[in-house]
Amino acid sequence: MNQKTTGLSRRQFLRSTGAVALMSALAPADIAALESAVIKKAIPASGEKLSVIGLGTSRTFDVDSSQAAQSPLVEVMQAFFANGGQLIDSSPMYGSAEAVTGELLRAVKDKSGLFTATKVWTYGKQEGIQQMRQSMRRLGVDRIDLMQIHNLRDWETHIETLREWKTQGKIRYLGITTSHGRFHAELEKIMQQQPLDFVQLSYNILDRTVERRLLPLAQERGIATLINRPYQRGSLFRKVRGKSLPAWAADFDCASWGQFFLKFIVSHPAATCAIPATSKLKHMVDNMAAGFGRLPDASTRQRMIDYVESL
């Protein structure tokens, strides 16, 4: 069955908030309805609900500290929260993105529901501790919601620290990431052997490799998943350029190709949250609309695959 939401529909929500989708434009009753309409999934380790569309910061938030560079991003981030967004994912690997994210968080008016996710990406125990402390300072928080070991780097060292930090309350969840297929075999072993809360991996309508083993394993082991590269770094949009969205996409409240690709991802039973990255306000509002309305069922997902592959 297609998943339905309560409260405001996606179309009603976009119409009521306007182009910039600011929460301040809504009456209290509408805000309550909006919050109930956002599609959320549970983190298996705790049962905590997380909205299915998050925000990646790779490349898009790697800008300088000038007002000209950061001012447009404040609107982007405010629209993210106004549209029910929670999880923001960054990394010390992303140039200035982590520090810029912290600056933006300090600038936005309302960031209720914020769920911070970043990574450790270095070798050695002390080096990892220093890097994670620096991430906290950059993000302006005393506790990171999710700390991840980036691309499995020195994971056996860092996972011990993450366990200690979780016990001490410095982080809430621990995880591990990969964006490279060559790490899948090792990641599978780690998922089988280690008590992970989250795993981050690449998945989209044309790159479905993780459907074979990693997503089913995450579901079996009770591991939440963050999905990176949902648009295959823009190649999906190039594939559908000039092509019409199928009329039947309206059956699951889909009004754009971006929403089509995101709804495909988050409708997978093992997918917890997709993290598209953007620095454009209109793209942010469009991305977030994928987190409302109905989701495609299993037969519709196959129809989506067939349609895109035929283009």
C-alpha atoms as a PDB file:
ATOM      1  CA  MET A   1       0.000   0.000   0.000  1.00  0.00           C
ATOM      2  CA  ASN A   2       1.108   3.572  -0.635  1.00  0.00           C
ATOM      3  CA  GLN A   3       1.975   5.437   2.555  1.00  0.00           C
ATOM      4  CA  LYS A   4      -0.380   8.348   3.372  1.00  0.00           C
ATOM      5  CA  THR A   5       0.264  11.228   5.732  1.00  0.00           C
ATOM      6  CA  THR A   6      -2.038  13.056   8.093  1.00  0.00           C
ATOM      7  CA  GLY A   7      -2.427  16.827   8.296  1.00  0.00           C
ATOM      8  CA  LEU A   8      -1.297  19.035   5.396  1.00  0.00           C
ATOM      9  CA  SER A   9      -0.605  17.522   2.004  1.00  0.00           C
ATOM     10  CA  ARG A  10       2.638  18.413   0.249  1.00  0.00           C
ATOM     11  CA  ARG A  11       0.770  20.740  -2.127  1.00  0.00           C
ATOM     12  CA  GLN A  12      -1.081  22.472   0.723  1.00  0.00           C
ATOM     13  CA  PHE A  13       2.150  22.865   2.647  1.00  0.00           C
ATOM     14  CA  LEU A  14       4.043  24.483  -0.204  1.00  0.00           C
ATOM     15  CA  ARG A  15       1.129  26.782  -0.967  1.00  0.00           C
ATOM     16  CA  SER A  16       0.760  27.891   2.668  1.00  0.00           C
ATOM     17  CA  THR A  17       4.420  28.645   3.244  1.00  0.00           C
ATOM     18  CA  GLY A  18       5.280  30.281  -0.064  1.00  0.00           C
ATOM     19  CA  ALA A  19       8.473  30.002  -2.039  1.00  0.00           C
ATOM     20  CA  VAL A  20      10.845  30.333   0.888  1.00  0.00           C
ATOM     21  CA  ALA A  21       8.878  27.936   3.105  1.00  0.00           C
ATOM     22  CA  LEU A  22       9.511  29.773   6.350  1.00  0.00           C
ATOM     23  CA  MET A  23       7.865  28.371   9.468  1.00  0.00           C
ATOM     24  CA  SER A  24       7.030  31.881  10.651  1.00  0.00           C
ATOM     25  CA  ALA A  25       4.436  32.115   7.885  1.00  0.00           C
ATOM     26  CA  LEU A  26       2.308  29.417   9.519  1.00  0.00           C
ATOM     27  CA  ALA A  27      -0.286  29.704  12.268  1.00  0.00           C
ATOM     28  CA  PRO A  28       0.304  27.493  15.350  1.00  0.00           C
ATOM     29  CA  ALA A  29      -2.392  25.034  14.253  1.00  0.00           C
ATOM     30  CA  ASP A  30      -0.795  24.690  10.829  1.00  0.00           C
ATOM     31  CA  ILE A  31       2.629  24.131  12.402  1.00  0.00           C
ATOM     32  CA  ALA A  32       1.217  21.246  14.432  1.00  0.00           C
ATOM     33  CA  ALA A  33      -0.374  19.785  11.299  1.00  0.00           C
ATOM     34  CA  LEU A  34       2.871  20.187   9.370  1.00  0.00           C
ATOM     35  CA  GLU A  35       4.890  18.384  12.017  1.00  0.00           C
ATOM     36  CA  SER A  36       2.497  15.441  11.937  1.00  0.00           C
ATOM     37  CA  ALA A  37       2.668  15.321   8.130  1.00  0.00           C
ATOM     38  CA  VAL A  38       6.443  15.022   7.841  1.00  0.00           C
ATOM     39  CA  ILE A  39       7.419  11.465   6.964  1.00  0.00           C
ATOM     40  CA  LYS A  40       9.666  10.078   9.688  1.00  0.00           C
ATOM     41  CA  LYS A  41      11.310   6.738  10.330  1.00  0.00           C
ATOM     42  CA  ALA A  42      12.516   5.214  13.562  1.00  0.00           C
ATOM     43  CA  ILE A  43      16.171   4.766  14.451  1.00  0.00           C
ATOM     44  CA  PRO A  44      16.204   1.062  15.359  1.00  0.00           C
ATOM     45  CA  ALA A  45      18.667   1.479  18.240  1.00  0.00           C
ATOM     46  CA  SER A  46      16.344   3.806  20.150  1.00  0.00           C
ATOM     47  CA  GLY A  47      13.000   4.191  18.427  1.00  0.00           C
ATOM     48  CA  GLU A  48      13.633   7.926  18.010  1.00  0.00           C
ATOM     49  CA  LYS A  49      11.910   9.264  14.876  1.00  0.00           C
ATOM     50  CA  LEU A  50      13.914  11.076  12.206  1.00  0.00           C
ATOM     51  CA  SER A  51      12.562  12.913   9.158  1.00  0.00           C
ATOM     52  CA  VAL A  52      13.509  11.043   5.996  1.00  0.00           C
ATOM     53  CA  ILE A  53      15.058  13.984   4.124  1.00  0.00           C
ATOM     54  CA  GLY A  54      18.255  15.313   5.642  1.00  0.00           C
ATOM     55  CA  LEU A  55      20.938  17.695   4.416  1.00  0.00           C
ATOM     56  CA  GLY A  56      24.393  16.888   3.113  1.00  0.00           C
ATOM     57  CA  THR A  57      27.107  19.556   3.086  1.00  0.00           C
ATOM     58  CA  SER A  58      29.841  18.104   0.857  1.00  0.00           C
ATOM     59  CA  ARG A  59      30.942  20.681  -1.749  1.00  0.00           C
ATOM     60  CA  THR A  60      27.843  22.884  -1.368  1.00  0.00           C
ATOM     61  CA  PHE A  61      28.840  24.332   2.028  1.00  0.00           C
ATOM     62  CA  ASP A  62      32.566  24.444   1.290  1.00  0.00           C
ATOM     63  CA  VAL A  63      32.632  28.247   0.913  1.00  0.00           C
ATOM     64  CA  ASP A  64      34.628  31.095   2.407  1.00  0.00           C
ATOM     65  CA  SER A  65      33.655  33.063   5.503  1.00  0.00           C
ATOM     66  CA  SER A  66      32.397  36.152   3.676  1.00  0.00           C
ATOM     67  CA  GLN A  67      28.840  37.375   4.101  1.00  0.00           C
ATOM     68  CA  ALA A  68      28.349  37.206   0.334  1.00  0.00           C
ATOM     69  CA  ALA A  69      29.145  33.480   0.359  1.00  0.00           C
ATOM     70  CA  GLN A  70      27.229  32.529   3.484  1.00  0.00           C
ATOM     71  CA  SER A  71      24.166  34.775   3.450  1.00  0.00           C
ATOM     72  CA  PRO A  72      22.318  32.767   0.749  1.00  0.00           C
ATOM     73  CA  LEU A  73      23.054  29.578   2.684  1.00  0.00           C
ATOM     74  CA  VAL A  74      21.300  30.929   5.787  1.00  0.00           C
ATOM     75  CA  GLU A  75      18.042  30.985   3.805  1.00  0.00           C
ATOM     76  CA  VAL A  76      18.754  27.494   2.521  1.00  0.00           C
ATOM     77  CA  MET A  77      19.242  26.126   6.026  1.00  0.00           C
ATOM     78  CA  GLN A  78      16.239  27.995   7.424  1.00  0.00           C
ATOM     79  CA  ALA A  79      14.077  26.475   4.695  1.00  0.00           C
ATOM     80  CA  PHE A  80      15.442  23.054   5.628  1.00  0.00           C
ATOM     81  CA  PHE A  81      14.220  23.369   9.210  1.00  0.00           C
ATOM     82  CA  ALA A  82      10.972  25.070   8.177  1.00  0.00           C
ATOM     83  CA  ASN A  83      10.181  22.076   5.997  1.00  0.00           C
ATOM     84  CA  GLY A  84      10.655  19.591   8.833  1.00  0.00           C
ATOM     85  CA  GLY A  85      14.355  18.811   8.308  1.00  0.00           C
ATOM     86  CA  GLN A  86      16.475  17.522  11.177  1.00  0.00           C
ATOM     87  CA  LEU A  87      19.689  15.710  10.236  1.00  0.00           C
ATOM     88  CA  ILE A  88      22.634  17.690   8.865  1.00  0.00           C
ATOM     89  CA  ASP A  89      25.648  15.634   7.824  1.00  0.00           C
ATOM     90  CA  SER A  90      29.178  17.032   7.539  1.00  0.00           C
ATOM     91  CA  SER A  91      32.824  15.986   7.830  1.00  0.00           C
ATOM     92  CA  PRO A  92      36.308  17.421   8.399  1.00  0.00           C
ATOM     93  CA  MET A  93      36.989  16.039   4.907  1.00  0.00           C
ATOM     94  CA  TYR A  94      34.643  18.593   3.327  1.00  0.00           C
ATOM     95  CA  GLY A  95      36.955  21.608   3.427  1.00  0.00           C
ATOM     96  CA  SER A  96      35.296  24.508   5.235  1.00  0.00           C
ATOM     97  CA  ALA A  97      31.829  22.890   5.218  1.00  0.00           C
ATOM     98  CA  GLU A  98      31.831  21.826   8.857  1.00  0.00           C
ATOM     99  CA  ALA A  99      32.810  25.291  10.123  1.00  0.00           C
ATOM    100  CA  VAL A 100      30.349  26.952   7.737  1.00  0.00           C
ATOM    101  CA  THR A 101      27.594  24.652   8.977  1.00  0.00           C
ATOM    102  CA  GLY A 102      28.284  25.858  12.511  1.00  0.00           C
ATOM    103  CA  GLU A 103      28.109  29.490  11.415  1.00  0.00           C
ATOM    104  CA  LEU A 104      24.822  28.879   9.628  1.00  0.00           C
ATOM    105  CA  LEU A 105      23.345  27.111  12.636  1.00  0.00           C
ATOM    106  CA  ARG A 106      24.162  30.124  14.758  1.00  0.00           C
ATOM    107  CA  ALA A 107      22.479  32.396  12.207  1.00  0.00           C
ATOM    108  CA  VAL A 108      19.172  30.592  11.650  1.00  0.00           C
ATOM    109  CA  LYS A 109      16.228  31.635  13.794  1.00  0.00           C
ATOM    110  CA  ASP A 110      14.647  28.262  14.467  1.00  0.00           C
ATOM    111  CA  LYS A 111      16.560  24.996  14.375  1.00  0.00           C
ATOM    112  CA  SER A 112      14.278  22.889  16.521  1.00  0.00           C
ATOM    113  CA  GLY A 113      14.768  19.194  15.955  1.00  0.00           C
ATOM    114  CA  LEU A 114      18.406  19.596  14.877  1.00  0.00           C
ATOM    115  CA  PHE A 115      20.251  16.297  14.605  1.00  0.00           C
ATOM    116  CA  THR A 116      23.997  16.802  14.076  1.00  0.00           C
ATOM    117  CA  ALA A 117      26.005  14.190  12.202  1.00  0.00           C
ATOM    118  CA  THR A 118      29.682  14.444  11.380  1.00  0.00           C
ATOM    119  CA  LYS A 119      32.707  12.194  11.062  1.00  0.00           C
ATOM    120  CA  VAL A 120      36.180  11.331  12.254  1.00  0.00           C
ATOM    121  CA  TRP A 121      38.631  11.103   9.385  1.00  0.00           C
ATOM    122  CA  THR A 122      42.183  10.609  10.568  1.00  0.00           C
ATOM    123  CA  TYR A 123      44.578   7.998  11.955  1.00  0.00           C
ATOM    124  CA  GLY A 124      45.318   7.391  15.636  1.00  0.00           C
ATOM    125  CA  LYS A 125      43.332   7.573  18.872  1.00  0.00           C
ATOM    126  CA  GLN A 126      44.505  10.987  20.075  1.00  0.00           C
ATOM    127  CA  GLU A 127      44.321  12.481  16.593  1.00  0.00           C
ATOM    128  CA  GLY A 128      40.735  11.234  16.347  1.00  0.00           C
ATOM    129  CA  ILE A 129      39.823  12.703  19.729  1.00  0.00           C
ATOM    130  CA  GLN A 130      41.329  16.062  18.794  1.00  0.00           C
ATOM    131  CA  GLN A 131      39.495  16.081  15.474  1.00  0.00           C
ATOM    132  CA  MET A 132      36.141  15.250  17.052  1.00  0.00           C
ATOM    133  CA  ARG A 133      36.581  17.957  19.695  1.00  0.00           C
ATOM    134  CA  GLN A 134      37.334  20.398  16.904  1.00  0.00           C
ATOM    135  CA  SER A 135      34.121  19.299  15.138  1.00  0.00           C
ATOM    136  CA  MET A 136      32.129  20.099  18.279  1.00  0.00           C
ATOM    137  CA  ARG A 137      33.680  23.567  18.427  1.00  0.00           C
ATOM    138  CA  ARG A 138      33.027  24.174  14.751  1.00  0.00           C
ATOM    139  CA  LEU A 139      29.409  23.060  14.963  1.00  0.00           C
ATOM    140  CA  GLY A 140      28.876  24.942  18.224  1.00  0.00           C
ATOM    141  CA  VAL A 141      27.523  21.978  20.168  1.00  0.00           C
ATOM    142  CA  ASP A 142      28.497  20.190  23.373  1.00  0.00           C
ATOM    143  CA  ARG A 143      27.324  16.827  22.078  1.00  0.00           C
ATOM    144  CA  ILE A 144      27.209  15.305  18.596  1.00  0.00           C
ATOM    145  CA  ASP A 145      24.094  13.284  17.839  1.00  0.00           C
ATOM    146  CA  LEU A 146      25.852  10.961  15.399  1.00  0.00           C
ATOM    147  CA  MET A 147      29.608  10.500  15.031  1.00  0.00           C
ATOM    148  CA  GLN A 148      30.683   8.367  12.104  1.00  0.00           C
ATOM    149  CA  ILE A 149      33.991   6.837  11.051  1.00  0.00           C
ATOM    150  CA  HIS A 150      34.544   8.289   7.584  1.00  0.00           C
ATOM    151  CA  ASN A 151      35.218   5.737   4.830  1.00  0.00           C
ATOM    152  CA  LEU A 152      36.322   3.136   7.387  1.00  0.00           C
ATOM    153  CA  ARG A 153      39.565   5.043   8.108  1.00  0.00           C
ATOM    154  CA  ASP A 154      41.333   3.436  11.117  1.00  0.00           C
ATOM    155  CA  TRP A 155      37.947   2.165  12.212  1.00  0.00           C
ATOM    156  CA  GLU A 156      39.227  -0.358  14.748  1.00  0.00           C
ATOM    157  CA  THR A 157      40.888   2.463  16.693  1.00  0.00           C
ATOM    158  CA  HIS A 158      38.076   4.983  16.450  1.00  0.00           C
ATOM    159  CA  ILE A 159      35.222   2.628  17.252  1.00  0.00           C
ATOM    160  CA  GLU A 160      36.644   2.074  20.739  1.00  0.00           C
ATOM    161  CA  THR A 161      36.704   5.829  21.316  1.00  0.00           C
ATOM    162  CA  LEU A 162      33.171   6.190  19.989  1.00  0.00           C
ATOM    163  CA  ARG A 163      31.915   3.548  22.383  1.00  0.00           C
ATOM    164  CA  GLU A 164      33.570   5.399  25.270  1.00  0.00           C
ATOM    165  CA  TRP A 165      32.140   8.722  24.134  1.00  0.00           C
ATOM    166  CA  LYS A 166      28.655   7.259  23.780  1.00  0.00           C
ATOM    167  CA  THR A 167      28.821   5.923  27.337  1.00  0.00           C
ATOM    168  CA  GLN A 168      30.017   9.340  28.526  1.00  0.00           C
ATOM    169  CA  GLY A 169      27.226  11.139  26.678  1.00  0.00           C
ATOM    170  CA  LYS A 170      29.509  13.043  24.298  1.00  0.00           C
ATOM    171  CA  ILE A 171      27.761  11.441  21.335  1.00  0.00           C
ATOM    172  CA  ARG A 172      24.331   9.811  21.101  1.00  0.00           C
ATOM    173  CA  TYR A 173      24.891   7.385  18.245  1.00  0.00           C
ATOM    174  CA  LEU A 174      27.909   5.878  16.482  1.00  0.00           C
ATOM    175  CA  GLY A 175      28.277   4.801  12.893  1.00  0.00           C
ATOM    176  CA  ILE A 176      30.526   4.181   9.931  1.00  0.00           C
ATOM    177  CA  THR A 177      30.409   5.397   6.339  1.00  0.00           C
ATOM    178  CA  THR A 178      31.459   4.545   2.834  1.00  0.00           C
ATOM    179  CA  SER A 179      30.909   6.111  -0.560  1.00  0.00           C
ATOM    180  CA  HIS A 180      33.103   3.602  -2.384  1.00  0.00           C
ATOM    181  CA  GLY A 181      31.996   0.208  -3.631  1.00  0.00           C
ATOM    182  CA  ARG A 182      35.446  -1.221  -3.025  1.00  0.00           C
ATOM    183  CA  PHE A 183      34.792  -0.990   0.737  1.00  0.00           C
ATOM    184  CA  HIS A 184      31.515  -2.921   0.671  1.00  0.00           C
ATOM    185  CA  ALA A 185      32.976  -6.315   1.574  1.00  0.00           C
ATOM    186  CA  GLU A 186      34.798  -4.899   4.584  1.00  0.00           C
ATOM    187  CA  LEU A 187      31.778  -2.854   5.601  1.00  0.00           C
ATOM    188  CA  GLU A 188      29.608  -5.962   5.520  1.00  0.00           C
ATOM    189  CA  LYS A 189      31.953  -7.730   7.948  1.00  0.00           C
ATOM    190  CA  ILE A 190      31.928  -4.735  10.280  1.00  0.00           C
ATOM    191  CA  MET A 191      28.130  -4.593  10.209  1.00  0.00           C
ATOM    192  CA  GLN A 192      27.964  -8.288  11.064  1.00  0.00           C
ATOM    193  CA  GLN A 193      30.432  -8.047  13.946  1.00  0.00           C
ATOM    194  CA  GLN A 194      30.079  -4.588  15.500  1.00  0.00           C
ATOM    195  CA  PRO A 195      27.144  -2.993  17.381  1.00  0.00           C
ATOM    196  CA  LEU A 196      26.548  -0.028  15.072  1.00  0.00           C
ATOM    197  CA  ASP A 197      23.716   2.479  15.354  1.00  0.00           C
ATOM    198  CA  PHE A 198      24.102   3.887  11.828  1.00  0.00           C
ATOM    199  CA  VAL A 199      25.772   3.090   8.545  1.00  0.00           C
ATOM    200  CA  GLN A 200      26.085   5.570   5.676  1.00  0.00           C
ATOM    201  CA  LEU A 201      26.336   4.403   2.079  1.00  0.00           C
ATOM    202  CA  SER A 202      25.587   5.351  -1.522  1.00  0.00           C
ATOM    203  CA  TYR A 203      22.261   4.355  -3.057  1.00  0.00           C
ATOM    204  CA  ASN A 204      20.025   5.701  -5.803  1.00  0.00           C
ATOM    205  CA  ILE A 205      17.655   4.505  -8.501  1.00  0.00           C
ATOM    206  CA  LEU A 206      20.492   3.528 -10.875  1.00  0.00           C
ATOM    207  CA  ASP A 207      23.131   2.503  -8.318  1.00  0.00           C
ATOM    208  CA  ARG A 208      21.331  -0.214  -6.398  1.00  0.00           C
ATOM    209  CA  THR A 209      24.323  -2.386  -5.457  1.00  0.00           C
ATOM    210  CA  VAL A 210      23.633  -2.094  -1.716  1.00  0.00           C
ATOM    211  CA  GLU A 211      20.196  -3.652  -2.185  1.00  0.00           C
ATOM    212  CA  ARG A 212      21.863  -7.048  -2.524  1.00  0.00           C
ATOM    213  CA  ARG A 213      23.501  -7.380   0.873  1.00  0.00           C
ATOM    214  CA  LEU A 214      24.102  -4.174   2.816  1.00  0.00           C
ATOM    215  CA  LEU A 215      20.555  -2.796   3.066  1.00  0.00           C
ATOM    216  CA  PRO A 216      19.051  -6.193   4.001  1.00  0.00           C
ATOM    217  CA  LEU A 217      21.846  -6.659   6.547  1.00  0.00           C
ATOM    218  CA  ALA A 218      21.155  -3.233   8.063  1.00  0.00           C
ATOM    219  CA  GLN A 219      17.500  -4.145   8.402  1.00  0.00           C
ATOM    220  CA  GLU A 220      18.354  -7.520   9.929  1.00  0.00           C
ATOM    221  CA  ARG A 221      20.840  -6.037  12.404  1.00  0.00           C
ATOM    222  CA  GLY A 222      18.709  -3.036  13.367  1.00  0.00           C
ATOM    223  CA  ILE A 223      21.099  -0.434  11.920  1.00  0.00           C
ATOM    224  CA  ALA A 224      19.787   2.915  10.683  1.00  0.00           C
ATOM    225  CA  THR A 225      21.002   4.059   7.265  1.00  0.00           C
ATOM    226  CA  LEU A 226      21.987   7.423   5.830  1.00  0.00           C
ATOM    227  CA  ILE A 227      21.949   7.515   2.036  1.00  0.00           C
ATOM    228  CA  ASN A 228      24.531   9.665   0.263  1.00  0.00           C
ATOM    229  CA  ARG A 229      24.833  10.519  -3.445  1.00  0.00           C
ATOM    230  CA  PRO A 230      21.063  10.245  -3.999  1.00  0.00           C
ATOM    231  CA  TYR A 231      21.382  12.005  -7.367  1.00  0.00           C
ATOM    232  CA  GLN A 232      24.622  10.236  -8.315  1.00  0.00           C
ATOM    233  CA  ARG A 233      26.370  13.610  -8.236  1.00  0.00           C
ATOM    234  CA  GLY A 234      23.945  15.086 -10.734  1.00  0.00           C
ATOM    235  CA  SER A 235      24.169  12.339 -13.350  1.00  0.00           C
ATOM    236  CA  LEU A 236      20.544  11.315 -12.737  1.00  0.00           C
ATOM    237  CA  PHE A 237      19.349  14.776 -13.726  1.00  0.00           C
ATOM    238  CA  ARG A 238      21.475  14.667 -16.856  1.00  0.00           C
ATOM    239  CA  LYS A 239      19.860  11.352 -17.770  1.00  0.00           C
ATOM    240  CA  VAL A 240      16.320  12.725 -17.510  1.00  0.00           C
ATOM    241  CA  ARG A 241      17.053  16.168 -18.972  1.00  0.00           C
ATOM    242  CA  GLY A 242      14.267  17.075 -21.384  1.00  0.00           C
ATOM    243  CA  LYS A 243      12.195  14.064 -20.330  1.00  0.00           C
ATOM    244  CA  SER A 244       8.723  14.364 -18.858  1.00  0.00           C
ATOM    245  CA  LEU A 245       7.924  13.139 -15.383  1.00  0.00           C
ATOM    246  CA  PRO A 246       5.424  10.267 -15.780  1.00  0.00           C
ATOM    247  CA  ALA A 247       1.837  11.231 -14.994  1.00  0.00           C
ATOM    248  CA  TRP A 248       1.553   8.351 -12.518  1.00  0.00           C
ATOM    249  CA  ALA A 249       4.177  10.023 -10.290  1.00  0.00           C
ATOM    250  CA  ALA A 250       1.278  12.081  -8.927  1.00  0.00           C
ATOM    251  CA  ASP A 251      -0.057   8.879  -7.363  1.00  0.00           C
ATOM    252  CA  PHE A 252       2.667   9.188  -4.708  1.00  0.00           C
ATOM    253  CA  ASP A 253       2.586  12.994  -4.486  1.00  0.00           C
ATOM    254  CA  CYS A 254       5.641  13.567  -6.654  1.00  0.00           C
ATOM    255  CA  ALA A 255       5.953  16.796  -8.641  1.00  0.00           C
ATOM    256  CA  SER A 256       9.594  16.835  -9.837  1.00  0.00           C
ATOM    257  CA  TRP A 257      12.442  14.556 -10.838  1.00  0.00           C
ATOM    258  CA  GLY A 258      14.287  15.403  -7.626  1.00  0.00           C
ATOM    259  CA  GLN A 259      11.328  14.231  -5.564  1.00  0.00           C
ATOM    260  CA  PHE A 260      11.025  11.138  -7.784  1.00  0.00           C
ATOM    261  CA  PHE A 261      14.607  10.116  -7.010  1.00  0.00           C
ATOM    262  CA  LEU A 262      14.354  10.875  -3.294  1.00  0.00           C
ATOM    263  CA  LYS A 263      11.023   9.136  -2.788  1.00  0.00           C
ATOM    264  CA  PHE A 264      12.449   6.051  -4.476  1.00  0.00           C
ATOM    265  CA  ILE A 265      15.257   5.975  -1.906  1.00  0.00           C
ATOM    266  CA  VAL A 266      13.318   6.656   1.274  1.00  0.00           C
ATOM    267  CA  SER A 267      10.561   4.214   0.341  1.00  0.00           C
ATOM    268  CA  HIS A 268      13.048   1.356   0.725  1.00  0.00           C
ATOM    269  CA  PRO A 269      12.249  -0.334   4.056  1.00  0.00           C
ATOM    270  CA  ALA A 270      15.906  -0.192   5.169  1.00  0.00           C
ATOM    271  CA  ALA A 271      16.516   3.460   4.215  1.00  0.00           C
ATOM    272  CA  THR A 272      16.236   5.822   7.183  1.00  0.00           C
ATOM    273  CA  CYS A 273      17.308   9.211   5.810  1.00  0.00           C
ATOM    274  CA  ALA A 274      18.591  10.536   2.475  1.00  0.00           C
ATOM    275  CA  ILE A 275      21.047  13.437   2.577  1.00  0.00           C
ATOM    276  CA  PRO A 276      20.988  15.428  -0.677  1.00  0.00           C
ATOM    277  CA  ALA A 277      23.293  18.461  -0.736  1.00  0.00           C
ATOM    278  CA  THR A 278      22.332  21.814  -2.211  1.00  0.00           C
ATOM    279  CA  SER A 279      23.185  25.496  -1.913  1.00  0.00           C
ATOM    280  CA  LYS A 280      20.081  26.662  -3.819  1.00  0.00           C
ATOM    281  CA  LEU A 281      16.903  27.670  -2.006  1.00  0.00           C
ATOM    282  CA  LYS A 282      14.544  26.418  -4.716  1.00  0.00           C
ATOM    283  CA  HIS A 283      16.296  23.053  -4.751  1.00  0.00           C
ATOM    284  CA  MET A 284      16.089  22.823  -0.977  1.00  0.00           C
ATOM    285  CA  VAL A 285      12.334  23.435  -0.968  1.00  0.00           C
ATOM    286  CA  ASP A 286      11.904  20.891  -3.758  1.00  0.00           C
ATOM    287  CA  ASN A 287      14.038  18.295  -1.964  1.00  0.00           C
ATOM    288  CA  MET A 288      12.124  18.707   1.272  1.00  0.00           C
ATOM    289  CA  ALA A 289       8.792  18.214  -0.484  1.00  0.00           C
ATOM    290  CA  ALA A 290       9.852  14.584  -1.002  1.00  0.00           C
ATOM    291  CA  GLY A 291       9.421  14.142   2.748  1.00  0.00           C
ATOM    292  CA  PHE A 292       5.651  14.705   2.561  1.00  0.00           C
ATOM    293  CA  GLY A 293       2.687  12.868   1.094  1.00  0.00           C
ATOM    294  CA  ARG A 294       2.679   9.250  -0.036  1.00  0.00           C
ATOM    295  CA  LEU A 295       5.605   6.973  -0.817  1.00  0.00           C
ATOM    296  CA  PRO A 296       5.715   4.422  -3.643  1.00  0.00           C
ATOM    297  CA  ASP A 297       5.022   0.789  -2.789  1.00  0.00           C
ATOM    298  CA  ALA A 298       7.153  -2.152  -3.985  1.00  0.00           C
ATOM    299  CA  SER A 299       5.455  -2.540  -7.362  1.00  0.00           C
ATOM    300  CA  THR A 300       5.624   1.203  -8.015  1.00  0.00           C
ATOM    301  CA  ARG A 301       9.329   1.223  -7.123  1.00  0.00           C
ATOM    302  CA  GLN A 302       9.954  -1.361  -9.848  1.00  0.00           C
ATOM    303  CA  ARG A 303       7.921   0.706 -12.270  1.00  0.00           C
ATOM    304  CA  MET A 304      10.114   3.705 -11.417  1.00  0.00           C
ATOM    305  CA  ILE A 305      13.273   1.704 -12.117  1.00  0.00           C
ATOM    306  CA  ASP A 306      11.928   0.451 -15.436  1.00  0.00           C
ATOM    307  CA  TYR A 307      10.898   3.928 -16.507  1.00  0.00           C
ATOM    308  CA  VAL A 308      14.237   5.591 -15.719  1.00  0.00           C
ATOM    309  CA  GLU A 309      16.261   2.760 -17.260  1.00  0.00           C
ATOM    310  CA  SER A 310      14.220   3.074 -20.459  1.00  0.00           C
ATOM    311  CA  LEU A 311      15.132   6.735 -20.949  1.00  0.00           C
END
